[in-house]
Protein backbone atom coordinates (compact mmCIF):
# COMPACT_ATOMS: atom_id res chain seq x y z
CA UNK A 1 148.19 115.56 34.15
CA UNK A 2 151.88 114.92 33.84
CA UNK A 3 154.22 112.00 34.84
CA UNK A 4 157.37 112.62 37.00
CA UNK A 5 159.75 111.22 39.53
CA UNK A 6 160.04 112.50 43.07
CA UNK A 7 163.69 113.71 43.42
CA UNK A 8 163.57 115.52 46.80
CA UNK A 9 161.85 117.03 49.74
CA UNK A 10 161.10 120.61 50.47
CA UNK A 11 160.80 121.85 54.11
CA UNK A 12 159.40 125.33 54.85
CA UNK A 13 158.94 126.25 58.54
CA UNK A 14 157.21 129.50 57.61
CA UNK A 15 154.45 129.49 55.03
CA UNK A 16 150.93 130.76 54.18
CA UNK A 17 148.48 129.44 56.76
CA UNK A 18 146.55 127.38 54.24
CA UNK A 19 149.70 125.31 53.46
CA UNK A 20 150.24 124.21 56.97
CA UNK A 21 150.18 120.36 57.13
CA UNK A 22 150.90 119.86 53.43
CA UNK A 23 154.11 117.99 52.45
CA UNK A 24 156.07 119.39 49.50
CA UNK A 25 158.26 117.38 47.11
CA UNK A 26 160.48 118.22 44.17
CA UNK A 27 159.30 116.36 41.02
CA UNK A 28 161.19 115.98 37.84
CA UNK A 29 158.72 115.82 34.98
CA UNK A 30 159.36 113.16 32.25
CA UNK A 31 158.30 112.27 28.75
CA UNK A 32 156.80 108.88 27.94
CA UNK A 33 160.26 107.36 27.57
CA UNK A 34 161.25 108.57 31.04
CA UNK A 35 163.53 111.35 29.88
CA UNK A 36 163.52 114.52 32.03
CA UNK A 37 161.65 117.48 30.52
CA UNK A 38 161.45 121.04 31.85
CA UNK A 39 162.87 122.05 35.24
CA UNK A 40 161.89 120.27 38.38
CA UNK A 41 158.86 121.63 40.14
CA UNK A 42 157.56 121.71 43.69
CA UNK A 43 154.29 119.81 44.18
CA UNK A 44 152.02 119.42 47.20
CA UNK A 45 151.59 115.78 48.34
CA UNK A 46 148.79 114.36 50.42
CA UNK A 47 149.05 110.77 49.35
CA UNK A 48 152.39 109.77 50.74
CA UNK A 49 154.74 109.76 47.85
CA UNK A 50 158.51 109.49 48.52
CA UNK A 51 161.79 109.98 46.81
CA UNK A 52 162.15 107.69 43.74
CA UNK A 53 158.36 107.29 43.33
CA UNK A 54 156.89 107.81 39.84
CA UNK A 55 153.85 110.09 40.31
CA UNK A 56 150.99 111.65 38.42
CA UNK A 57 150.95 115.47 38.83
CA UNK A 58 148.16 117.89 38.05
CA UNK A 59 149.02 121.51 37.55
CA UNK A 60 147.40 124.85 37.20
CA UNK A 61 143.93 125.70 38.36
CA UNK A 62 143.12 121.94 38.40
CA UNK A 63 145.62 121.48 41.26
CA UNK A 64 143.60 123.69 43.53
CA UNK A 65 140.57 121.34 43.18
CA UNK A 66 142.66 118.48 44.52
CA UNK A 67 142.54 120.08 47.95
CA UNK A 68 138.84 120.93 48.12
CA UNK A 69 138.59 121.79 51.82
CA UNK A 70 140.92 124.62 51.54
CA UNK A 71 141.48 127.54 49.17
CA UNK A 72 145.30 127.16 48.89
CA UNK A 73 147.90 128.83 46.62
CA UNK A 74 149.24 125.70 44.96
CA UNK A 75 150.10 125.23 41.26
CA UNK A 76 150.99 121.49 41.34
CA UNK A 77 149.63 118.55 43.37
CA UNK A 78 150.65 114.84 43.31
CA UNK A 79 147.41 112.97 42.68
CA UNK A 80 148.75 109.39 42.22
CA UNK A 81 151.65 107.05 42.68
CA UNK A 82 152.25 105.08 39.43
CA UNK A 83 152.54 101.31 39.67
CA UNK A 84 153.43 100.77 35.97
CA UNK A 85 153.36 102.50 32.64
CA UNK A 86 152.82 100.67 29.32
CA UNK A 87 153.31 102.85 26.26
CA UNK A 88 153.32 101.10 22.81
CA UNK A 89 155.83 102.47 20.33
CA UNK A 90 154.91 102.99 16.74
């Protein structure tokens, strides 16, 4: 799992049938200090995240298990909205 911030919405009026009904968001992944890492990615969202929310994202084959009732071609899924993060520095 990774941590990131939702930075935008993605609308697609035409898509694979299995993706119908899913919401897609742009997520900027971040390190433990909140600094952006990598390029933003598109993640499917079924829990109601919005722009500015800090979210947990699962990626790769694990993302497909987050939508068990469908066999969908997704590589990233938002699986949680983060309330707080507490990282001890050494």
